[in-house]
Protein backbone atom coordinates (compact mmCIF):
# COMPACT_ATOMS: atom_id res chain seq x y z
CA MET A 1 71.16 67.09 53.94
CA LYS A 2 71.95 63.83 55.72
CA VAL A 3 68.40 62.47 55.49
CA PRO A 4 68.26 62.36 51.65
CA GLY A 5 71.60 60.61 51.67
CA VAL A 6 70.27 57.94 54.01
CA LEU A 7 67.17 57.48 51.89
CA LEU A 8 69.24 57.21 48.71
CA THR A 9 71.46 54.58 50.30
CA ALA A 10 68.38 52.64 51.43
CA VAL A 11 66.81 52.77 47.97
CA LEU A 12 69.99 51.54 46.33
CA PHE A 13 70.26 48.72 48.86
CA VAL A 14 66.65 47.63 48.26
CA SER A 15 67.22 47.78 44.50
CA GLN A 16 70.33 45.60 44.75
CA VAL A 17 68.49 43.06 46.93
CA SER A 18 65.65 42.93 44.39
CA GLN A 19 68.08 42.24 41.56
CA VAL A 20 69.70 39.43 43.51
CA SER A 21 66.27 37.97 44.24
CA LEU A 22 65.29 38.10 40.56
CA PHE A 23 68.54 36.42 39.53
CA ALA A 24 67.96 33.69 42.10
CA GLN A 25 64.42 33.10 40.85
CA ALA A 26 65.64 32.92 37.24
CA TRP A 27 68.30 30.37 38.19
CA GLN A 28 65.74 28.26 40.05
CA SER A 29 63.14 28.30 37.26
CA PRO A 30 62.90 24.98 35.40
CA ALA A 31 64.32 24.44 31.96
CA SER A 32 61.88 23.70 29.17
CA VAL A 33 61.34 22.54 25.61
CA ASP A 34 61.59 25.67 23.46
CA SER A 35 60.22 23.96 20.34
CA PHE A 36 58.97 20.56 19.25
CA THR A 37 58.16 19.82 15.61
CA PRO A 38 55.94 18.45 14.25
CA VAL A 39 52.80 18.53 16.40
CA GLY A 40 49.17 17.92 15.48
CA LEU A 41 48.42 16.90 11.89
CA ALA A 42 51.53 16.54 9.74
CA LYS A 43 52.10 14.85 6.38
CA ARG A 44 55.21 13.07 5.08
CA VAL A 45 57.03 13.29 8.39
CA ARG A 46 60.61 12.01 8.31
CA GLN A 47 62.12 13.72 11.35
CA VAL A 48 61.25 15.05 14.79
CA GLN A 49 63.31 18.00 16.04
CA VAL A 50 63.35 19.26 19.63
CA ARG A 51 65.14 22.34 21.00
CA PHE A 52 65.68 22.67 24.75
CA SER A 53 66.08 26.00 26.51
CA GLU A 54 69.41 24.99 28.07
CA SER A 55 72.32 22.65 27.43
CA MET A 56 71.42 19.01 27.94
CA ILE A 57 74.77 17.36 27.19
CA PRO A 58 78.39 18.57 27.17
CA PHE A 59 79.03 20.74 24.12
CA GLY A 60 80.93 18.77 21.51
CA ASP A 61 80.24 15.44 23.24
CA LEU A 62 77.43 13.92 21.16
CA ARG A 63 78.01 10.34 22.24
CA ASP A 64 75.05 8.14 23.11
CA VAL A 65 73.27 9.26 26.28
CA ALA A 66 69.88 8.41 27.73
CA GLU A 67 67.11 9.53 25.40
CA PRO A 68 65.13 12.49 26.76
CA PHE A 69 61.80 11.04 25.61
CA ILE A 70 59.81 7.84 25.97
CA ILE A 71 58.57 7.23 22.43
CA THR A 72 55.32 5.51 21.54
CA CYS A 73 55.17 5.09 17.77
CA PRO A 74 54.63 2.13 15.41
CA GLU A 75 57.38 3.34 13.06
CA PRO A 76 61.07 2.74 13.90
CA GLY A 77 63.72 5.43 13.98
CA LYS A 78 67.04 6.53 15.48
CA ALA A 79 67.80 9.31 17.96
CA ARG A 80 70.79 11.64 17.94
CA TRP A 81 71.94 14.99 19.32
CA MET A 82 72.63 17.72 16.77
CA ASP A 83 74.28 19.87 19.43
CA ASP A 84 74.04 20.38 23.18
CA ARG A 85 70.44 21.66 22.97
CA VAL A 86 68.91 20.13 19.83
CA TRP A 87 67.73 16.52 19.82
CA ILE A 88 66.73 14.75 16.59
CA TYR A 89 64.72 11.60 15.93
CA ASP A 90 65.03 10.30 12.34
CA PHE A 91 62.42 7.84 11.10
CA ASP A 92 63.53 5.05 8.76
CA ARG A 93 61.09 6.29 6.08
CA ASP A 94 58.58 9.04 5.33
CA LEU A 95 55.59 8.25 7.53
CA PRO A 96 52.47 7.18 5.64
CA ALA A 97 48.92 8.15 6.57
CA GLY A 98 47.28 6.65 9.62
CA ILE A 99 50.29 6.95 11.96
CA SER A 100 50.14 8.46 15.47
CA CYS A 101 53.25 9.09 17.59
CA GLU A 102 53.70 10.31 21.15
CA PHE A 103 56.87 11.65 22.77
CA ARG A 104 56.76 11.83 26.57
CA ILE A 105 59.52 13.58 28.55
CA ARG A 106 61.39 11.02 30.61
CA ASN A 107 60.80 11.23 34.36
CA GLY A 108 63.59 13.05 36.13
CA LEU A 109 65.02 14.59 32.96
CA GLU A 110 67.58 17.25 33.84
CA THR A 111 69.82 19.71 32.04
CA LEU A 112 73.59 19.53 32.09
CA ASP A 113 73.51 21.83 35.16
CA GLY A 114 71.05 19.59 36.99
CA LYS A 115 67.90 21.67 36.46
CA ALA A 116 64.61 19.82 35.99
CA VAL A 117 63.00 20.08 32.56
CA GLY A 118 59.41 21.30 32.85
CA GLY A 119 56.68 22.00 30.31
CA PRO A 120 53.73 20.08 28.88
CA GLY A 121 55.53 16.75 29.22
CA VAL A 122 53.79 15.10 26.25
CA TYR A 123 54.05 15.99 22.55
CA ALA A 124 52.17 14.15 19.82
CA PHE A 125 51.42 14.24 16.11
CA HIS A 126 49.51 12.16 13.56
CA THR A 127 49.67 11.84 9.80
CA GLY A 128 45.91 11.92 9.21
CA GLY A 129 43.90 9.95 6.68
CA PRO A 130 44.79 9.14 3.05
CA ALA A 131 45.78 12.11 0.91
CA ILE A 132 46.03 12.43 -2.87
CA MET A 133 49.61 12.40 -4.11
CA ARG A 134 49.07 12.24 -7.90
CA THR A 135 46.13 12.24 -10.29
CA ARG A 136 45.56 11.19 -13.87
CA PRO A 137 44.42 13.17 -15.77
CA TYR A 138 46.47 15.94 -14.19
CA GLU A 139 44.94 19.07 -12.72
CA GLY A 140 43.99 21.55 -15.44
CA ASN A 141 43.49 18.95 -18.19
CA THR A 142 40.28 18.76 -20.19
CA VAL A 143 38.14 15.78 -19.19
CA ALA A 144 35.37 13.80 -20.87
CA GLU A 145 31.86 13.33 -19.51
CA ASP A 146 32.62 9.71 -18.68
CA GLN A 147 36.20 10.41 -17.57
CA ILE A 148 38.01 7.79 -15.49
CA PHE A 149 40.31 9.25 -12.83
CA ILE A 150 43.27 7.43 -11.32
CA LEU A 151 44.24 8.72 -7.90
CA GLN A 152 47.44 7.69 -6.16
CA LEU A 153 47.07 7.97 -2.38
CA ASP A 154 49.61 7.85 0.42
CA ALA A 155 47.62 5.09 2.20
CA ASP A 156 44.82 2.63 1.53
CA ALA A 157 41.35 4.16 1.52
CA VAL A 158 38.11 2.55 2.69
CA GLU A 159 35.73 2.28 -0.26
CA ALA A 160 32.65 3.16 1.80
CA SER A 161 34.36 6.34 3.03
CA VAL A 162 35.30 7.31 -0.54
CA LEU A 163 31.74 6.89 -1.78
CA GLU A 164 30.41 8.93 1.12
CA ASN A 165 32.87 11.83 0.98
CA VAL A 166 34.17 12.15 -2.60
CA TYR A 167 32.19 13.94 -5.30
CA PHE A 168 32.57 16.16 -8.38
CA ALA A 169 31.48 19.79 -8.69
CA VAL A 170 30.69 20.99 -12.21
CA ASP A 171 30.12 24.59 -13.28
CA GLY A 172 26.46 25.14 -14.10
CA ILE A 173 25.25 22.12 -12.13
CA ALA A 174 24.09 22.85 -8.60
CA SER A 175 24.01 19.29 -7.29
CA ARG A 176 27.04 17.20 -6.48
CA ILE A 177 28.01 14.37 -8.80
CA GLY A 178 28.87 11.13 -7.06
CA VAL A 179 31.67 8.73 -7.95
CA ARG A 180 31.96 5.02 -8.65
CA VAL A 181 34.98 3.02 -7.54
CA ILE A 182 36.29 0.61 -10.17
CA THR A 183 37.65 -2.62 -8.77
CA GLY A 184 38.76 -6.09 -9.84
CA ASN A 185 39.83 -6.93 -13.40
CA ASP A 186 38.49 -3.65 -14.79
CA ARG A 187 40.77 -1.73 -12.42
CA GLU A 188 43.80 -3.79 -13.40
CA SER A 189 43.10 -3.37 -17.12
CA ILE A 190 42.78 0.42 -16.81
CA ILE A 191 45.99 0.74 -14.82
CA LYS A 192 47.93 -1.41 -17.29
CA SER A 193 46.68 0.61 -20.26
CA VAL A 194 47.54 3.95 -18.66
CA TYR A 195 50.93 2.93 -17.24
CA ARG A 196 52.09 0.60 -20.00
CA TRP A 197 55.28 2.67 -20.48
CA TYR A 198 55.84 3.35 -16.77
CA ASP A 199 55.82 1.50 -13.50
CA ALA A 200 52.28 1.33 -12.23
CA PRO A 201 51.61 2.68 -8.71
CA PRO A 202 50.92 0.07 -5.99
């Protein structure tokens, strides 16, 4: 009867050692960025939000501290801590098309407890090419055969790219119908006639 008791004691001892080892490994594992938004293609970006896995600053003390990221972006903004784990970067305006931004974790970044922050290290997003914000006539309206469309974009478009990539699809007609870009005085006259009661788009 003594042998099983010895074995049981040994098993319990090994189990306790294993638990201690696991706790030690968990404590030594690096902190990380739990979430970073936005990434990749994103439109009308006004804010970047980052959540860390552990506390980065004293809770309740949101005074200015060293920024956790080195920011490469042509648009200005301001950084702030929402709480001890969430860091915010507010841009001065909604980002237009054609903007690329990179956020690189600062070398030697540590949590409040002194743990290194690991992970990818670099997070980036871009706002893509010009996108249609408004159209006249509006979607669903009946149009004429020689209809003129006014498109308001979120950035300047290259005329050659428009002619190459924009077309109309008409029910009953298999081939694509190309477009013509109206410029100069004709463009100005059309815009003035359509928006005579409203502020014309830029």
